PDB file of N, CA and C in Angstrom:
ATOM      1  N   UNK A   1      -0.815  22.416   6.861  1.00  0.00           N
ATOM      2  CA  UNK A   1      -1.221  21.436   5.858  1.00  0.00           C
ATOM      3  C   UNK A   1      -2.359  20.598   6.449  1.00  0.00           C
ATOM      4  N   UNK A   2      -3.450  20.507   5.715  1.00  0.00           N
ATOM      5  CA  UNK A   2      -4.575  19.697   6.184  1.00  0.00           C
ATOM      6  C   UNK A   2      -4.229  18.215   6.056  1.00  0.00           C
ATOM      7  N   UNK A   3      -5.002  17.370   6.720  1.00  0.00           N
ATOM      8  CA  UNK A   3      -4.770  15.926   6.636  1.00  0.00           C
ATOM      9  C   UNK A   3      -4.963  15.455   5.199  1.00  0.00           C
ATOM     10  N   UNK A   4      -5.967  15.984   4.518  1.00  0.00           N
ATOM     11  CA  UNK A   4      -6.214  15.609   3.130  1.00  0.00           C
ATOM     12  C   UNK A   4      -5.007  15.976   2.260  1.00  0.00           C
ATOM     13  N   UNK A   5      -4.426  17.158   2.509  1.00  0.00           N
ATOM     14  CA  UNK A   5      -3.239  17.582   1.756  1.00  0.00           C
ATOM     15  C   UNK A   5      -2.050  16.676   2.065  1.00  0.00           C
ATOM     16  N   UNK A   6      -1.894  16.284   3.339  1.00  0.00           N
ATOM     17  CA  UNK A   6      -0.810  15.376   3.723  1.00  0.00           C
ATOM     18  C   UNK A   6      -0.941  14.051   2.977  1.00  0.00           C
ATOM     19  N   UNK A   7      -2.148  13.488   2.972  1.00  0.00           N
ATOM     20  CA  UNK A   7      -2.379  12.209   2.295  1.00  0.00           C
ATOM     21  C   UNK A   7      -2.116  12.351   0.806  1.00  0.00           C
ATOM     22  N   UNK A   8      -2.646  13.410   0.200  1.00  0.00           N
ATOM     23  CA  UNK A   8      -2.449  13.631  -1.235  1.00  0.00           C
ATOM     24  C   UNK A   8      -0.966  13.754  -1.555  1.00  0.00           C
ATOM     25  N   UNK A   9      -0.211  14.447  -0.711  1.00  0.00           N
ATOM     26  CA  UNK A   9       1.228  14.595  -0.923  1.00  0.00           C
ATOM     27  C   UNK A   9       1.932  13.241  -0.864  1.00  0.00           C
ATOM     28  N   UNK A  10       1.585  12.407   0.111  1.00  0.00           N
ATOM     29  CA  UNK A  10       2.197  11.075   0.219  1.00  0.00           C
ATOM     30  C   UNK A  10       1.889  10.237  -1.022  1.00  0.00           C
ATOM     31  N   UNK A  11       0.639  10.287  -1.476  1.00  0.00           N
ATOM     32  CA  UNK A  11       0.205   9.510  -2.641  1.00  0.00           C
ATOM     33  C   UNK A  11       0.899  10.010  -3.909  1.00  0.00           C
ATOM     34  N   UNK A  12       1.033  11.339  -4.025  1.00  0.00           N
ATOM     35  CA  UNK A  12       1.587  11.932  -5.247  1.00  0.00           C
ATOM     36  C   UNK A  12       3.108  11.864  -5.328  1.00  0.00           C
ATOM     37  N   UNK A  13       3.797  11.816  -4.184  1.00  0.00           N
ATOM     38  CA  UNK A  13       5.265  11.894  -4.205  1.00  0.00           C
ATOM     39  C   UNK A  13       5.959  10.553  -4.007  1.00  0.00           C
ATOM     40  N   UNK A  14       5.197   9.492  -3.800  1.00  0.00           N
ATOM     41  CA  UNK A  14       5.773   8.154  -3.659  1.00  0.00           C
ATOM     42  C   UNK A  14       5.173   7.251  -4.730  1.00  0.00           C
ATOM     43  N   UNK A  15       6.029   6.555  -5.477  1.00  0.00           N
ATOM     44  CA  UNK A  15       5.524   5.665  -6.526  1.00  0.00           C
ATOM     45  C   UNK A  15       4.612   4.587  -5.956  1.00  0.00           C
ATOM     46  N   UNK A  16       5.007   4.030  -4.813  1.00  0.00           N
ATOM     47  CA  UNK A  16       4.198   2.998  -4.153  1.00  0.00           C
ATOM     48  C   UNK A  16       4.132   3.361  -2.671  1.00  0.00           C
ATOM     49  N   UNK A  17       2.922   3.556  -2.179  1.00  0.00           N
ATOM     50  CA  UNK A  17       2.751   3.893  -0.765  1.00  0.00           C
ATOM     51  C   UNK A  17       1.632   3.030  -0.188  1.00  0.00           C
ATOM     52  N   UNK A  18       1.899   2.509   1.006  1.00  0.00           N
ATOM     53  CA  UNK A  18       0.938   1.665   1.708  1.00  0.00           C
ATOM     54  C   UNK A  18       0.557   2.344   3.018  1.00  0.00           C
ATOM     55  N   UNK A  19      -0.700   2.759   3.117  1.00  0.00           N
ATOM     56  CA  UNK A  19      -1.225   3.247   4.381  1.00  0.00           C
ATOM     57  C   UNK A  19      -1.614   2.004   5.163  1.00  0.00           C
ATOM     58  N   UNK A  20      -0.982   1.828   6.318  1.00  0.00           N
ATOM     59  CA  UNK A  20      -1.060   0.552   7.024  1.00  0.00           C
ATOM     60  C   UNK A  20      -1.094   0.762   8.523  1.00  0.00           C
ATOM     61  N   UNK A  21      -1.444  -0.294   9.243  1.00  0.00           N
ATOM     62  CA  UNK A  21      -1.351  -0.286  10.698  1.00  0.00           C
ATOM     63  C   UNK A  21       0.016  -0.839  11.051  1.00  0.00           C
ATOM     64  N   UNK A  22       0.872   0.036  11.592  1.00  0.00           N
ATOM     65  CA  UNK A  22       2.243  -0.340  11.906  1.00  0.00           C
ATOM     66  C   UNK A  22       3.185   0.145  10.825  1.00  0.00           C
ATOM     67  N   UNK A  23       4.348  -0.486  10.776  1.00  0.00           N
ATOM     68  CA  UNK A  23       5.381  -0.119   9.811  1.00  0.00           C
ATOM     69  C   UNK A  23       5.725  -1.338   8.961  1.00  0.00           C
ATOM     70  N   UNK A  24       6.406  -1.127   7.825  1.00  0.00           N
ATOM     71  CA  UNK A  24       6.798  -2.284   7.008  1.00  0.00           C
ATOM     72  C   UNK A  24       7.618  -3.315   7.788  1.00  0.00           C
ATOM     73  N   UNK A  25       8.454  -2.853   8.711  1.00  0.00           N
ATOM     74  CA  UNK A  25       9.265  -3.777   9.501  1.00  0.00           C
ATOM     75  C   UNK A  25       8.489  -4.410  10.658  1.00  0.00           C
ATOM     76  N   UNK A  26       7.415  -3.762  11.081  1.00  0.00           N
ATOM     77  CA  UNK A  26       6.645  -4.261  12.223  1.00  0.00           C
ATOM     78  C   UNK A  26       5.158  -3.971  12.034  1.00  0.00           C
ATOM     79  N   UNK A  27       4.505  -4.695  11.116  1.00  0.00           N
ATOM     80  CA  UNK A  27       3.065  -4.492  10.910  1.00  0.00           C
ATOM     81  C   UNK A  27       2.293  -4.795  12.191  1.00  0.00           C
ATOM     82  N   UNK A  28       1.256  -4.006  12.444  1.00  0.00           N
ATOM     83  CA  UNK A  28       0.465  -4.153  13.666  1.00  0.00           C
ATOM     84  C   UNK A  28      -0.848  -4.899  13.448  1.00  0.00           C
ATOM     85  N   UNK A  29      -1.104  -5.358  12.227  1.00  0.00           N
ATOM     86  CA  UNK A  29      -2.287  -6.187  11.986  1.00  0.00           C
ATOM     87  C   UNK A  29      -1.978  -7.169  10.867  1.00  0.00           C
ATOM     88  N   UNK A  30      -2.700  -8.263  10.855  1.00  0.00           N
ATOM     89  CA  UNK A  30      -2.449  -9.316   9.871  1.00  0.00           C
ATOM     90  C   UNK A  30      -2.648  -8.866   8.442  1.00  0.00           C
ATOM     91  N   UNK A  31      -3.630  -7.999   8.208  1.00  0.00           N
ATOM     92  CA  UNK A  31      -3.912  -7.557   6.846  1.00  0.00           C
ATOM     93  C   UNK A  31      -2.780  -6.685   6.311  1.00  0.00           C
ATOM     94  N   UNK A  32      -2.301  -5.760   7.148  1.00  0.00           N
ATOM     95  CA  UNK A  32      -1.158  -4.929   6.747  1.00  0.00           C
ATOM     96  C   UNK A  32       0.067  -5.806   6.529  1.00  0.00           C
ATOM     97  N   UNK A  33       0.229  -6.817   7.379  1.00  0.00           N
ATOM     98  CA  UNK A  33       1.346  -7.743   7.240  1.00  0.00           C
ATOM     99  C   UNK A  33       1.298  -8.516   5.937  1.00  0.00           C
ATOM    100  N   UNK A  34       0.097  -8.937   5.515  1.00  0.00           N
ATOM    101  CA  UNK A  34      -0.026  -9.691   4.263  1.00  0.00           C
ATOM    102  C   UNK A  34       0.385  -8.850   3.061  1.00  0.00           C
ATOM    103  N   UNK A  35      -0.087  -7.603   3.007  1.00  0.00           N
ATOM    104  CA  UNK A  35       0.260  -6.743   1.867  1.00  0.00           C
ATOM    105  C   UNK A  35       1.757  -6.452   1.879  1.00  0.00           C
ATOM    106  N   UNK A  36       2.320  -6.216   3.060  1.00  0.00           N
ATOM    107  CA  UNK A  36       3.763  -5.996   3.177  1.00  0.00           C
ATOM    108  C   UNK A  36       4.531  -7.207   2.660  1.00  0.00           C
ATOM    109  N   UNK A  37       4.102  -8.413   3.040  1.00  0.00           N
ATOM    110  CA  UNK A  37       4.775  -9.637   2.578  1.00  0.00           C
ATOM    111  C   UNK A  37       4.716  -9.766   1.063  1.00  0.00           C
ATOM    112  N   UNK A  38       3.576  -9.461   0.465  1.00  0.00           N
ATOM    113  CA  UNK A  38       3.439  -9.552  -0.991  1.00  0.00           C
ATOM    114  C   UNK A  38       4.389  -8.580  -1.672  1.00  0.00           C
ATOM    115  N   UNK A  39       4.409  -7.332  -1.208  1.00  0.00           N
ATOM    116  CA  UNK A  39       5.290  -6.329  -1.824  1.00  0.00           C
ATOM    117  C   UNK A  39       6.752  -6.714  -1.640  1.00  0.00           C
ATOM    118  N   UNK A  40       7.106  -7.204  -0.455  1.00  0.00           N
ATOM    119  CA  UNK A  40       8.487  -7.634  -0.214  1.00  0.00           C
ATOM    120  C   UNK A  40       8.845  -8.832  -1.086  1.00  0.00           C
ATOM    121  N   UNK A  41       7.932  -9.771  -1.238  1.00  0.00           N
ATOM    122  CA  UNK A  41       8.166 -10.949  -2.079  1.00  0.00           C
ATOM    123  C   UNK A  41       8.458 -10.531  -3.512  1.00  0.00           C
ATOM    124  N   UNK A  42       7.722  -9.533  -3.987  1.00  0.00           N
ATOM    125  CA  UNK A  42       7.919  -9.050  -5.358  1.00  0.00           C
ATOM    126  C   UNK A  42       9.132  -8.131  -5.482  1.00  0.00           C
ATOM    127  N   UNK A  43       9.724  -7.758  -4.351  1.00  0.00           N
ATOM    128  CA  UNK A  43      10.882  -6.872  -4.388  1.00  0.00           C
ATOM    129  C   UNK A  43      10.521  -5.443  -4.741  1.00  0.00           C
ATOM    130  N   UNK A  44       9.329  -5.020  -4.358  1.00  0.00           N
ATOM    131  CA  UNK A  44       8.857  -3.670  -4.656  1.00  0.00           C
ATOM    132  C   UNK A  44       9.224  -2.745  -3.500  1.00  0.00           C
ATOM    133  N   UNK A  45       9.922  -1.655  -3.821  1.00  0.00           N
ATOM    134  CA  UNK A  45      10.206  -0.645  -2.805  1.00  0.00           C
ATOM    135  C   UNK A  45       8.940   0.169  -2.590  1.00  0.00           C
ATOM    136  N   UNK A  46       8.594   0.395  -1.320  1.00  0.00           N
ATOM    137  CA  UNK A  46       7.391   1.161  -1.022  1.00  0.00           C
ATOM    138  C   UNK A  46       7.565   1.924   0.274  1.00  0.00           C
ATOM    139  N   UNK A  47       6.761   2.965   0.431  1.00  0.00           N
ATOM    140  CA  UNK A  47       6.746   3.709   1.677  1.00  0.00           C
ATOM    141  C   UNK A  47       5.544   3.255   2.483  1.00  0.00           C
ATOM    142  N   UNK A  48       5.766   2.938   3.734  1.00  0.00           N
ATOM    143  CA  UNK A  48       4.677   2.601   4.642  1.00  0.00           C
ATOM    144  C   UNK A  48       4.337   3.807   5.493  1.00  0.00           C
ATOM    145  N   UNK A  49       3.055   4.129   5.593  1.00  0.00           N
ATOM    146  CA  UNK A  49       2.590   5.223   6.439  1.00  0.00           C
ATOM    147  C   UNK A  49       1.722   4.608   7.532  1.00  0.00           C
ATOM    148  N   UNK A  50       2.153   4.776   8.774  1.00  0.00           N
ATOM    149  CA  UNK A  50       1.494   4.158   9.922  1.00  0.00           C
ATOM    150  C   UNK A  50       0.276   4.983  10.347  1.00  0.00           C
ATOM    151  N   UNK A  51      -0.919   4.476  10.064  1.00  0.00           N
ATOM    152  CA  UNK A  51      -2.135   5.207  10.422  1.00  0.00           C
ATOM    153  C   UNK A  51      -2.405   5.179  11.928  1.00  0.00           C
ATOM    154  N   UNK A  52      -1.734   4.292  12.655  1.00  0.00           N
ATOM    155  CA  UNK A  52      -1.930   4.228  14.104  1.00  0.00           C
ATOM    156  C   UNK A  52      -1.231   5.371  14.830  1.00  0.00           C
ATOM    157  N   UNK A  53      -0.357   6.082  14.119  1.00  0.00           N
ATOM    158  CA  UNK A  53       0.381   7.175  14.751  1.00  0.00           C
ATOM    159  C   UNK A  53      -0.485   8.420  14.938  1.00  0.00           C
ATOM    160  N   UNK A  54      -1.658   8.463  14.304  1.00  0.00           N
ATOM    161  CA  UNK A  54      -2.473   9.672  14.330  1.00  0.00           C
ATOM    162  C   UNK A  54      -3.938   9.301  14.051  1.00  0.00           C
ATOM    163  N   UNK A  55      -4.818   9.584  15.012  1.00  0.00           N
ATOM    164  CA  UNK A  55      -6.245   9.264  14.826  1.00  0.00           C
ATOM    165  C   UNK A  55      -6.833   9.984  13.623  1.00  0.00           C
ATOM    166  N   UNK A  56      -6.394  11.231  13.401  1.00  0.00           N
ATOM    167  CA  UNK A  56      -6.908  12.003  12.266  1.00  0.00           C
ATOM    168  C   UNK A  56      -6.487  11.358  10.944  1.00  0.00           C
ATOM    169  N   UNK A  57      -5.267  10.822  10.904  1.00  0.00           N
ATOM    170  CA  UNK A  57      -4.793  10.130   9.702  1.00  0.00           C
ATOM    171  C   UNK A  57      -5.576   8.835   9.485  1.00  0.00           C
ATOM    172  N   UNK A  58      -5.815   8.093  10.555  1.00  0.00           N
ATOM    173  CA  UNK A  58      -6.534   6.819  10.434  1.00  0.00           C
ATOM    174  C   UNK A  58      -7.920   7.036   9.831  1.00  0.00           C
ATOM    175  N   UNK A  59      -8.622   8.089  10.265  1.00  0.00           N
ATOM    176  CA  UNK A  59      -9.936   8.387   9.683  1.00  0.00           C
ATOM    177  C   UNK A  59      -9.782   9.084   8.335  1.00  0.00           C
ATOM    178  N   UNK A  60      -8.771   9.941   8.228  1.00  0.00           N
ATOM    179  CA  UNK A  60      -8.573  10.725   7.006  1.00  0.00           C
ATOM    180  C   UNK A  60      -8.334   9.874   5.774  1.00  0.00           C
ATOM    181  N   UNK A  61      -7.581   8.781   5.909  1.00  0.00           N
ATOM    182  CA  UNK A  61      -7.298   7.937   4.743  1.00  0.00           C
ATOM    183  C   UNK A  61      -8.574   7.236   4.284  1.00  0.00           C
ATOM    184  N   UNK A  62      -9.445   6.898   5.220  1.00  0.00           N
ATOM    185  CA  UNK A  62     -10.723   6.269   4.855  1.00  0.00           C
ATOM    186  C   UNK A  62     -11.619   7.264   4.117  1.00  0.00           C
ATOM    187  N   UNK A  63     -11.618   8.510   4.573  1.00  0.00           N
ATOM    188  CA  UNK A  63     -12.407   9.553   3.919  1.00  0.00           C
ATOM    189  C   UNK A  63     -11.836   9.889   2.543  1.00  0.00           C
ATOM    190  N   UNK A  64     -10.508   9.868   2.434  1.00  0.00           N
ATOM    191  CA  UNK A  64      -9.828  10.242   1.187  1.00  0.00           C
ATOM    192  C   UNK A  64     -10.275   9.356   0.030  1.00  0.00           C
ATOM    193  N   UNK A  65     -10.409   8.061   0.285  1.00  0.00           N
ATOM    194  CA  UNK A  65     -10.756   7.113  -0.784  1.00  0.00           C
ATOM    195  C   UNK A  65     -12.195   6.637  -0.724  1.00  0.00           C
ATOM    196  N   UNK A  66     -12.897   6.995   0.349  1.00  0.00           N
ATOM    197  CA  UNK A  66     -14.228   6.424   0.575  1.00  0.00           C
ATOM    198  C   UNK A  66     -14.124   4.897   0.667  1.00  0.00           C
ATOM    199  N   UNK A  67     -13.013   4.421   1.243  1.00  0.00           N
ATOM    200  CA  UNK A  67     -12.766   2.992   1.438  1.00  0.00           C
ATOM    201  C   UNK A  67     -12.686   2.770   2.941  1.00  0.00           C
ATOM    202  N   UNK A  68     -13.458   1.830   3.505  1.00  0.00           N
ATOM    203  CA  UNK A  68     -13.624   1.775   4.960  1.00  0.00           C
ATOM    204  C   UNK A  68     -12.506   1.101   5.747  1.00  0.00           C
ATOM    205  N   UNK A  69     -11.539   0.495   5.066  1.00  0.00           N
ATOM    206  CA  UNK A  69     -10.551  -0.296   5.805  1.00  0.00           C
ATOM    207  C   UNK A  69      -9.118   0.090   5.452  1.00  0.00           C
ATOM    208  N   UNK A  70      -8.213  -0.343   6.310  1.00  0.00           N
ATOM    209  CA  UNK A  70      -6.771  -0.200   6.137  1.00  0.00           C
ATOM    210  C   UNK A  70      -6.231  -1.611   6.206  1.00  0.00           C
ATOM    211  N   UNK A  71      -5.251  -1.994   5.396  1.00  0.00           N
ATOM    212  CA  UNK A  71      -4.360  -1.156   4.587  1.00  0.00           C
ATOM    213  C   UNK A  71      -4.989  -0.696   3.268  1.00  0.00           C
ATOM    214  N   UNK A  72      -4.336   0.341   2.707  1.00  0.00           N
ATOM    215  CA  UNK A  72      -4.698   0.856   1.397  1.00  0.00           C
ATOM    216  C   UNK A  72      -3.413   1.049   0.601  1.00  0.00           C
ATOM    217  N   UNK A  73      -3.367   0.459  -0.591  1.00  0.00           N
ATOM    218  CA  UNK A  73      -2.182   0.540  -1.442  1.00  0.00           C
ATOM    219  C   UNK A  73      -2.436   1.489  -2.603  1.00  0.00           C
ATOM    220  N   UNK A  74      -1.470   2.389  -2.807  1.00  0.00           N
ATOM    221  CA  UNK A  74      -1.502   3.328  -3.930  1.00  0.00           C
ATOM    222  C   UNK A  74      -0.278   3.091  -4.799  1.00  0.00           C
ATOM    223  N   UNK A  75      -0.479   3.085  -6.106  1.00  0.00           N
ATOM    224  CA  UNK A  75       0.612   2.943  -7.068  1.00  0.00           C
ATOM    225  C   UNK A  75       0.506   4.092  -8.056  1.00  0.00           C
ATOM    226  N   UNK A  76       1.574   4.893  -8.127  1.00  0.00           N
ATOM    227  CA  UNK A  76       1.615   6.039  -9.045  1.00  0.00           C
ATOM    228  C   UNK A  76       0.378   6.919  -8.889  1.00  0.00           C
ATOM    229  N   UNK A  77       0.010   7.200  -7.639  1.00  0.00           N
ATOM    230  CA  UNK A  77      -1.095   8.099  -7.357  1.00  0.00           C
ATOM    231  C   UNK A  77      -2.470   7.489  -7.451  1.00  0.00           C
ATOM    232  N   UNK A  78      -2.557   6.207  -7.762  1.00  0.00           N
ATOM    233  CA  UNK A  78      -3.844   5.545  -7.963  1.00  0.00           C
ATOM    234  C   UNK A  78      -4.103   4.538  -6.844  1.00  0.00           C
ATOM    235  N   UNK A  79      -5.306   4.608  -6.261  1.00  0.00           N
ATOM    236  CA  UNK A  79      -5.706   3.637  -5.244  1.00  0.00           C
ATOM    237  C   UNK A  79      -5.923   2.289  -5.915  1.00  0.00           C
ATOM    238  N   UNK A  80      -5.195   1.268  -5.447  1.00  0.00           N
ATOM    239  CA  UNK A  80      -5.303  -0.068  -6.031  1.00  0.00           C
ATOM    240  C   UNK A  80      -6.275  -0.923  -5.222  1.00  0.00           C
ATOM    241  N   UNK A  81      -6.171  -0.894  -3.898  1.00  0.00           N
ATOM    242  CA  UNK A  81      -7.096  -1.674  -3.087  1.00  0.00           C
ATOM    243  C   UNK A  81      -6.562  -1.959  -1.705  1.00  0.00           C
ATOM    244  N   UNK A  82      -7.338  -2.756  -0.991  1.00  0.00           N
ATOM    245  CA  UNK A  82      -6.969  -3.203   0.339  1.00  0.00           C
ATOM    246  C   UNK A  82      -6.411  -4.610   0.291  1.00  0.00           C
ATOM    247  N   UNK A  83      -6.335  -5.240   1.433  1.00  0.00           N
ATOM    248  CA  UNK A  83      -5.680  -6.544   1.548  1.00  0.00           C
ATOM    249  C   UNK A  83      -6.295  -7.605   0.641  1.00  0.00           C
ATOM    250  N   UNK A  84      -7.615  -7.771   0.683  1.00  0.00           N
ATOM    251  CA  UNK A  84      -8.251  -8.831  -0.107  1.00  0.00           C
ATOM    252  C   UNK A  84      -8.010  -8.637  -1.600  1.00  0.00           C
ATOM    253  N   UNK A  85      -8.178  -7.404  -2.064  1.00  0.00           N
ATOM    254  CA  UNK A  85      -7.979  -7.114  -3.491  1.00  0.00           C
ATOM    255  C   UNK A  85      -6.529  -7.348  -3.884  1.00  0.00           C
ATOM    256  N   UNK A  86      -5.588  -6.865  -3.064  1.00  0.00           N
ATOM    257  CA  UNK A  86      -4.163  -7.025  -3.383  1.00  0.00           C
ATOM    258  C   UNK A  86      -3.800  -8.507  -3.402  1.00  0.00           C
ATOM    259  N   UNK A  87      -4.290  -9.269  -2.427  1.00  0.00           N
ATOM    260  CA  UNK A  87      -3.993 -10.706  -2.381  1.00  0.00           C
ATOM    261  C   UNK A  87      -4.558 -11.418  -3.612  1.00  0.00           C
ATOM    262  N   UNK A  88      -5.800 -11.108  -3.975  1.00  0.00           N
ATOM    263  CA  UNK A  88      -6.413 -11.736  -5.153  1.00  0.00           C
ATOM    264  C   UNK A  88      -5.669 -11.362  -6.431  1.00  0.00           C
ATOM    265  N   UNK A  89      -5.292 -10.086  -6.559  1.00  0.00           N
ATOM    266  CA  UNK A  89      -4.545  -9.647  -7.746  1.00  0.00           C
ATOM    267  C   UNK A  89      -3.201 -10.365  -7.827  1.00  0.00           C
ATOM    268  N   UNK A  90      -2.522 -10.486  -6.675  1.00  0.00           N
ATOM    269  CA  UNK A  90      -1.221 -11.153  -6.630  1.00  0.00           C
ATOM    270  C   UNK A  90      -1.351 -12.613  -7.043  1.00  0.00           C
ATOM    271  N   UNK A  91      -2.338 -13.306  -6.483  1.00  0.00           N
ATOM    272  CA  UNK A  91      -2.513 -14.731  -6.775  1.00  0.00           C
ATOM    273  C   UNK A  91      -2.853 -14.968  -8.239  1.00  0.00           C
ATOM    274  N   UNK A  92      -3.524 -14.011  -8.876  1.00  0.00           N
ATOM    275  CA  UNK A  92      -3.903 -14.140 -10.286  1.00  0.00           C
ATOM    276  C   UNK A  92      -2.821 -13.608 -11.227  1.00  0.00           C
ATOM    277  N   UNK A  93      -1.741 -13.031 -10.654  1.00  0.00           N
ATOM    278  CA  UNK A  93      -0.684 -12.444 -11.479  1.00  0.00           C
ATOM    279  C   UNK A  93      -1.011 -11.041 -11.955  1.00  0.00           C
ATOM    280  N   UNK A  94      -2.172 -10.517 -11.556  1.00  0.00           N
ATOM    281  CA  UNK A  94      -2.599  -9.198 -12.017  1.00  0.00           C
ATOM    282  C   UNK A  94      -1.831  -8.070 -11.341  1.00  0.00           C
ATOM    283  N   UNK A  95      -1.427  -8.257 -10.091  1.00  0.00           N
ATOM    284  CA  UNK A  95      -0.681  -7.214  -9.390  1.00  0.00           C
ATOM    285  C   UNK A  95       0.666  -7.004 -10.061  1.00  0.00           C
ATOM    286  N   UNK A  96       1.340  -8.108 -10.386  1.00  0.00           N
ATOM    287  CA  UNK A  96       2.628  -8.012 -11.047  1.00  0.00           C
ATOM    288  C   UNK A  96       2.481  -7.278 -12.383  1.00  0.00           C
ATOM    289  N   UNK A  97       1.450  -7.602 -13.150  1.00  0.00           N
ATOM    290  CA  UNK A  97       1.201  -6.942 -14.431  1.00  0.00           C
ATOM    291  C   UNK A  97       0.925  -5.463 -14.226  1.00  0.00           C
ATOM    292  N   UNK A  98       0.100  -5.140 -13.243  1.00  0.00           N
ATOM    293  CA  UNK A  98      -0.243  -3.747 -12.958  1.00  0.00           C
ATOM    294  C   UNK A  98       1.012  -2.946 -12.598  1.00  0.00           C
ATOM    295  N   UNK A  99       1.846  -3.512 -11.734  1.00  0.00           N
ATOM    296  CA  UNK A  99       3.075  -2.826 -11.335  1.00  0.00           C
ATOM    297  C   UNK A  99       3.984  -2.606 -12.537  1.00  0.00           C
ATOM    298  N   UNK A 100       4.130  -3.616 -13.382  1.00  0.00           N
ATOM    299  CA  UNK A 100       4.976  -3.508 -14.571  1.00  0.00           C
ATOM    300  C   UNK A 100       4.444  -2.420 -15.495  1.00  0.00           C
ATOM    301  N   UNK A 101       3.134  -2.410 -15.710  1.00  0.00           N
ATOM    302  CA  UNK A 101       2.529  -1.407 -16.588  1.00  0.00           C
ATOM    303  C   UNK A 101       2.720   0.003 -16.052  1.00  0.00           C
ATOM    304  N   UNK A 102       2.806   0.148 -14.743  1.00  0.00           N
ATOM    305  CA  UNK A 102       3.010   1.459 -14.124  1.00  0.00           C
ATOM    306  C   UNK A 102       4.493   1.821 -14.016  1.00  0.00           C
ATOM    307  N   UNK A 103       5.371   0.923 -14.480  1.00  0.00           N
ATOM    308  CA  UNK A 103       6.802   1.205 -14.463  1.00  0.00           C
ATOM    309  C   UNK A 103       7.470   0.966 -13.126  1.00  0.00           C
ATOM    310  N   UNK A 104       6.851   0.168 -12.276  1.00  0.00           N
ATOM    311  CA  UNK A 104       7.415  -0.137 -10.958  1.00  0.00           C
ATOM    312  C   UNK A 104       8.335  -1.348 -11.091  1.00  0.00           C
ATOM    313  N   UNK A 105       9.572  -1.170 -10.636  1.00  0.00           N
ATOM    314  CA  UNK A 105      10.569  -2.234 -10.720  1.00  0.00           C
ATOM    315  C   UNK A 105      10.258  -3.302  -9.680  1.00  0.00           C
ATOM    316  N   UNK A 106      10.229  -4.536 -10.142  1.00  0.00           N
ATOM    317  CA  UNK A 106      10.046  -5.674  -9.240  1.00  0.00           C
ATOM    318  C   UNK A 106      11.319  -6.504  -9.301  1.00  0.00           C
ATOM    319  N   UNK A 107      11.935  -6.679  -8.156  1.00  0.00           N
ATOM    320  CA  UNK A 107      13.150  -7.486  -8.098  1.00  0.00           C
ATOM    321  C   UNK A 107      12.774  -8.796  -7.438  1.00  0.00           C
ATOM    322  N   UNK A 108      11.965  -9.565  -8.166  1.00  0.00           N
ATOM    323  CA  UNK A 108      11.434 -10.819  -7.632  1.00  0.00           C
ATOM    324  C   UNK A 108      12.580 -11.762  -7.295  1.00  0.00           C
ATOM    325  N   UNK A 109      12.475 -12.340  -6.140  1.00  0.00           N
ATOM    326  CA  UNK A 109      13.507 -13.276  -5.695  1.00  0.00           C
ATOM    327  C   UNK A 109      13.452 -14.538  -6.549  1.00  0.00           C
ATOM    328  N   UNK A 110      14.588 -15.160  -6.700  1.00  0.00           N
ATOM    329  CA  UNK A 110      14.664 -16.391  -7.500  1.00  0.00           C
ATOM    330  C   UNK A 110      13.772 -17.459  -6.885  1.00  0.00           C
ATOM    331  N   UNK A 111      13.148 -18.234  -7.729  1.00  0.00           N
ATOM    332  CA  UNK A 111      12.302 -19.325  -7.245  1.00  0.00           C
ATOM    333  C   UNK A 111      13.175 -20.401  -6.610  1.00  0.00           C
ATOM    334  N   UNK A 112      12.715 -20.958  -5.524  1.00  0.00           N
ATOM    335  CA  UNK A 112      13.493 -21.985  -4.822  1.00  0.00           C
ATOM    336  C   UNK A 112      13.387 -23.312  -5.543  1.00  0.00           C
TER     337      UNK A 112
END
């Protein structure tokens, strides 16, 4: 399986997948950590794929989307964006709307 096929398979078989530096439990960069925190806050189940585990994967994900940075969030096979875009969408309420429209369950924690 080529790297492109591996990435396509991850994107196609997971409703929400985050290509990130590190893991959801232990992000290795602040940007990956921010997107993880947003998804966790919204109660969205997602798969994290650690691009640091493989140099070919780290470059391959950038080539796959023609997007130069990691993290990269995909929802229902569609590239949504990186950290800045996800943060801006979340702050504007657009991420929540996008997830709902795509049928992604959000188990948002009760407001304090």
